Amino acid sequence: MVHRLPLTEARNNLGKVVRRAHMNNETFILEKDGIPIAALMNIDDFEDYLDTQDPKLIKQIKQSYEEYLDGKARPVEDFLAELNSSKKK
């Protein structure tokens, strides 16, 4: 869940806000004079966000999507069967 929070309130309750972000997977948009200036989220969500900014990953996703559009995709069952057989070797 995403909450909007004035910066002064976040500062006055920083421990509580961090705990909620960490324990409850909540995200906070911090505002100054009603204008969003920063966000606070748990580390797992932040690391996921950083992964989506990786140029190599973006390129792989685009390439995979193009292959899908070209009809080069295969059923997930086939992929999983191949993956499982390679693990057994």
N, C-alpha and C. Protein backbone atom coordinates (compact mmCIF):
# COMPACT_ATOMS: atom_id res chain seq x y z
N MET A 1 0.84 -1.17 0.00
CA MET A 1 0.00 0.00 0.00
C MET A 1 0.89 1.25 0.00
N VAL A 2 0.47 2.27 -0.72
CA VAL A 2 1.24 3.51 -0.82
C VAL A 2 0.54 4.60 0.00
N HIS A 3 1.33 5.28 0.82
CA HIS A 3 0.82 6.37 1.66
C HIS A 3 1.57 7.65 1.32
N ARG A 4 0.86 8.76 1.38
CA ARG A 4 1.48 10.07 1.23
C ARG A 4 1.67 10.64 2.63
N LEU A 5 2.86 11.21 2.86
CA LEU A 5 3.19 11.64 4.22
C LEU A 5 4.00 12.93 4.16
N PRO A 6 3.60 13.96 4.92
CA PRO A 6 4.43 15.17 4.98
C PRO A 6 5.81 14.83 5.54
N LEU A 7 6.81 15.48 5.02
CA LEU A 7 8.19 15.22 5.43
C LEU A 7 8.38 15.41 6.93
N THR A 8 7.78 16.43 7.50
CA THR A 8 7.95 16.66 8.95
C THR A 8 7.36 15.51 9.76
N GLU A 9 6.22 14.99 9.33
CA GLU A 9 5.62 13.85 10.03
C GLU A 9 6.50 12.61 9.90
N ALA A 10 7.07 12.41 8.72
CA ALA A 10 7.98 11.27 8.52
C ALA A 10 9.21 11.42 9.41
N ARG A 11 9.74 12.63 9.50
CA ARG A 11 10.92 12.87 10.33
C ARG A 11 10.61 12.62 11.80
N ASN A 12 9.46 13.09 12.25
CA ASN A 12 9.08 12.92 13.66
C ASN A 12 8.76 11.48 14.03
N ASN A 13 8.43 10.66 13.04
CA ASN A 13 8.05 9.27 13.28
C ASN A 13 8.89 8.31 12.44
N LEU A 14 10.16 8.66 12.23
CA LEU A 14 10.98 7.89 11.30
C LEU A 14 11.05 6.41 11.65
N GLY A 15 11.27 6.08 12.91
CA GLY A 15 11.36 4.68 13.31
C GLY A 15 10.09 3.91 12.97
N LYS A 16 8.96 4.51 13.27
CA LYS A 16 7.66 3.87 12.99
C LYS A 16 7.45 3.71 11.48
N VAL A 17 7.78 4.73 10.71
CA VAL A 17 7.60 4.68 9.26
C VAL A 17 8.50 3.61 8.65
N VAL A 18 9.75 3.56 9.07
CA VAL A 18 10.68 2.54 8.56
C VAL A 18 10.19 1.15 8.94
N ARG A 19 9.74 0.99 10.15
CA ARG A 19 9.24 -0.31 10.61
C ARG A 19 8.04 -0.75 9.76
N ARG A 20 7.13 0.18 9.47
CA ARG A 20 5.97 -0.16 8.64
C ARG A 20 6.39 -0.53 7.22
N ALA A 21 7.37 0.19 6.69
CA ALA A 21 7.87 -0.13 5.35
C ALA A 21 8.49 -1.52 5.35
N HIS A 22 9.26 -1.81 6.36
CA HIS A 22 9.96 -3.10 6.44
C HIS A 22 9.01 -4.25 6.76
N MET A 23 8.22 -4.10 7.79
CA MET A 23 7.39 -5.21 8.28
C MET A 23 6.11 -5.41 7.47
N ASN A 24 5.51 -4.33 7.01
CA ASN A 24 4.20 -4.41 6.34
C ASN A 24 4.27 -4.20 4.84
N ASN A 25 5.49 -4.04 4.32
CA ASN A 25 5.68 -3.83 2.89
C ASN A 25 4.91 -2.60 2.39
N GLU A 26 4.92 -1.54 3.20
CA GLU A 26 4.25 -0.30 2.83
C GLU A 26 5.26 0.65 2.19
N THR A 27 4.76 1.49 1.29
CA THR A 27 5.59 2.49 0.63
C THR A 27 5.06 3.87 1.01
N PHE A 28 5.98 4.79 1.23
CA PHE A 28 5.60 6.14 1.64
C PHE A 28 6.16 7.15 0.64
N ILE A 29 5.30 8.02 0.16
CA ILE A 29 5.73 9.15 -0.65
C ILE A 29 5.83 10.33 0.30
N LEU A 30 7.02 10.87 0.42
CA LEU A 30 7.26 11.98 1.35
C LEU A 30 7.08 13.30 0.60
N GLU A 31 6.31 14.19 1.20
CA GLU A 31 5.97 15.45 0.55
C GLU A 31 6.45 16.65 1.36
N LYS A 32 6.86 17.68 0.64
CA LYS A 32 7.19 18.97 1.26
C LYS A 32 6.28 20.01 0.62
N ASP A 33 5.50 20.67 1.42
CA ASP A 33 4.51 21.63 0.93
C ASP A 33 3.57 20.99 -0.10
N GLY A 34 3.22 19.71 0.13
CA GLY A 34 2.30 19.00 -0.76
C GLY A 34 2.92 18.48 -2.04
N ILE A 35 4.23 18.68 -2.20
CA ILE A 35 4.92 18.24 -3.42
C ILE A 35 5.75 17.00 -3.10
N PRO A 36 5.56 15.90 -3.86
CA PRO A 36 6.36 14.69 -3.62
C PRO A 36 7.84 14.97 -3.86
N ILE A 37 8.68 14.61 -2.88
CA ILE A 37 10.12 14.85 -3.03
C ILE A 37 10.96 13.59 -2.85
N ALA A 38 10.40 12.56 -2.23
CA ALA A 38 11.16 11.34 -1.99
C ALA A 38 10.18 10.20 -1.70
N ALA A 39 10.73 8.99 -1.70
CA ALA A 39 9.92 7.82 -1.35
C ALA A 39 10.71 6.95 -0.39
N LEU A 40 9.98 6.22 0.44
CA LEU A 40 10.59 5.29 1.37
C LEU A 40 9.88 3.95 1.18
N MET A 41 10.67 2.90 0.94
CA MET A 41 10.10 1.57 0.71
C MET A 41 11.03 0.53 1.31
N ASN A 42 10.55 -0.71 1.41
CA ASN A 42 11.42 -1.74 1.96
C ASN A 42 12.51 -2.09 0.95
N ILE A 43 13.57 -2.69 1.44
CA ILE A 43 14.75 -2.93 0.62
C ILE A 43 14.49 -3.92 -0.51
N ASP A 44 13.62 -4.91 -0.29
CA ASP A 44 13.33 -5.87 -1.35
C ASP A 44 12.68 -5.19 -2.56
N ASP A 45 11.72 -4.30 -2.29
CA ASP A 45 11.09 -3.57 -3.38
C ASP A 45 12.09 -2.66 -4.08
N PHE A 46 12.97 -2.04 -3.31
CA PHE A 46 13.97 -1.15 -3.90
C PHE A 46 14.94 -1.94 -4.79
N GLU A 47 15.39 -3.10 -4.32
CA GLU A 47 16.29 -3.93 -5.13
C GLU A 47 15.60 -4.40 -6.41
N ASP A 48 14.30 -4.74 -6.31
CA ASP A 48 13.55 -5.11 -7.51
C ASP A 48 13.49 -3.93 -8.48
N TYR A 49 13.28 -2.74 -7.96
CA TYR A 49 13.27 -1.55 -8.79
C TYR A 49 14.61 -1.36 -9.50
N LEU A 50 15.70 -1.52 -8.75
CA LEU A 50 17.02 -1.37 -9.35
C LEU A 50 17.24 -2.39 -10.46
N ASP A 51 16.76 -3.61 -10.26
CA ASP A 51 16.89 -4.64 -11.30
C ASP A 51 16.21 -4.20 -12.59
N THR A 52 15.07 -3.53 -12.48
CA THR A 52 14.35 -3.12 -13.68
C THR A 52 15.06 -1.98 -14.41
N GLN A 53 16.04 -1.38 -13.78
CA GLN A 53 16.79 -0.29 -14.40
C GLN A 53 18.07 -0.78 -15.09
N ASP A 54 18.35 -2.07 -14.97
CA ASP A 54 19.56 -2.67 -15.55
C ASP A 54 19.42 -2.74 -17.07
N PRO A 55 20.28 -2.04 -17.82
CA PRO A 55 20.18 -2.04 -19.28
C PRO A 55 20.24 -3.44 -19.89
N LYS A 56 21.04 -4.34 -19.31
CA LYS A 56 21.13 -5.70 -19.83
C LYS A 56 19.79 -6.42 -19.69
N LEU A 57 19.15 -6.25 -18.54
CA LEU A 57 17.86 -6.89 -18.30
C LEU A 57 16.80 -6.31 -19.24
N ILE A 58 16.80 -5.01 -19.40
CA ILE A 58 15.85 -4.36 -20.30
C ILE A 58 16.02 -4.90 -21.72
N LYS A 59 17.26 -5.05 -22.15
CA LYS A 59 17.53 -5.58 -23.49
C LYS A 59 17.01 -7.02 -23.62
N GLN A 60 17.25 -7.85 -22.59
CA GLN A 60 16.78 -9.23 -22.63
C GLN A 60 15.25 -9.30 -22.68
N ILE A 61 14.60 -8.45 -21.92
CA ILE A 61 13.13 -8.43 -21.92
C ILE A 61 12.60 -8.03 -23.29
N LYS A 62 13.18 -7.00 -23.88
CA LYS A 62 12.75 -6.56 -25.21
C LYS A 62 12.96 -7.66 -26.24
N GLN A 63 14.13 -8.32 -26.17
CA GLN A 63 14.43 -9.39 -27.12
C GLN A 63 13.44 -10.54 -26.95
N SER A 64 13.15 -10.91 -25.72
CA SER A 64 12.20 -11.99 -25.47
C SER A 64 10.81 -11.62 -25.96
N TYR A 65 10.43 -10.39 -25.78
CA TYR A 65 9.11 -9.94 -26.23
C TYR A 65 9.03 -9.98 -27.75
N GLU A 66 10.09 -9.56 -28.42
CA GLU A 66 10.12 -9.62 -29.88
C GLU A 66 10.03 -11.06 -30.37
N GLU A 67 10.73 -11.97 -29.71
CA GLU A 67 10.64 -13.38 -30.07
C GLU A 67 9.21 -13.89 -29.88
N TYR A 68 8.58 -13.46 -28.81
CA TYR A 68 7.19 -13.85 -28.56
C TYR A 68 6.29 -13.35 -29.68
N LEU A 69 6.46 -12.08 -30.07
CA LEU A 69 5.64 -11.51 -31.14
C LEU A 69 5.88 -12.22 -32.47
N ASP A 70 7.10 -12.70 -32.68
CA ASP A 70 7.45 -13.41 -33.92
C ASP A 70 7.00 -14.87 -33.90
N GLY A 71 6.35 -15.28 -32.83
CA GLY A 71 5.87 -16.66 -32.74
C GLY A 71 6.94 -17.65 -32.34
N LYS A 72 8.04 -17.18 -31.79
CA LYS A 72 9.14 -18.07 -31.41
C LYS A 72 9.01 -18.55 -29.97
N ALA A 73 7.91 -18.21 -29.33
CA ALA A 73 7.70 -18.64 -27.95
C ALA A 73 7.27 -20.10 -27.93
N ARG A 74 7.44 -20.72 -26.79
CA ARG A 74 7.00 -22.11 -26.65
C ARG A 74 6.21 -22.24 -25.36
N PRO A 75 5.40 -23.27 -25.27
CA PRO A 75 4.59 -23.43 -24.06
C PRO A 75 5.47 -23.55 -22.82
N VAL A 76 5.00 -23.00 -21.73
CA VAL A 76 5.76 -23.02 -20.49
C VAL A 76 6.01 -24.46 -20.03
N GLU A 77 5.08 -25.35 -20.32
CA GLU A 77 5.26 -26.75 -19.92
C GLU A 77 6.50 -27.35 -20.57
N ASP A 78 6.72 -27.03 -21.86
CA ASP A 78 7.91 -27.53 -22.56
C ASP A 78 9.18 -26.98 -21.94
N PHE A 79 9.17 -25.69 -21.62
CA PHE A 79 10.34 -25.07 -21.00
C PHE A 79 10.64 -25.71 -19.65
N LEU A 80 9.61 -25.89 -18.83
CA LEU A 80 9.82 -26.47 -17.50
C LEU A 80 10.30 -27.91 -17.60
N ALA A 81 9.78 -28.67 -18.56
CA ALA A 81 10.23 -30.05 -18.74
C ALA A 81 11.71 -30.07 -19.12
N GLU A 82 12.11 -29.18 -20.01
CA GLU A 82 13.52 -29.09 -20.41
C GLU A 82 14.39 -28.68 -19.22
N LEU A 83 13.91 -27.73 -18.46
CA LEU A 83 14.64 -27.26 -17.29
C LEU A 83 14.82 -28.38 -16.27
N ASN A 84 13.77 -29.12 -16.01
CA ASN A 84 13.83 -30.23 -15.05
C ASN A 84 14.75 -31.34 -15.54
N SER A 85 14.74 -31.62 -16.83
CA SER A 85 15.61 -32.69 -17.34
C SER A 85 17.08 -32.28 -17.27
N SER A 86 17.37 -30.99 -17.45
CA SER A 86 18.77 -30.54 -17.37
C SER A 86 19.26 -30.55 -15.92
N LYS A 87 18.37 -30.39 -14.95
CA LYS A 87 18.76 -30.44 -13.54
C LYS A 87 19.15 -31.85 -13.13
N LYS A 88 18.52 -32.85 -13.76
CA LYS A 88 18.77 -34.25 -13.40
C LYS A 88 20.12 -34.74 -13.91
N LYS A 89 20.68 -34.05 -14.88
CA LYS A 89 21.95 -34.50 -15.48
C LYS A 89 23.12 -34.17 -14.62
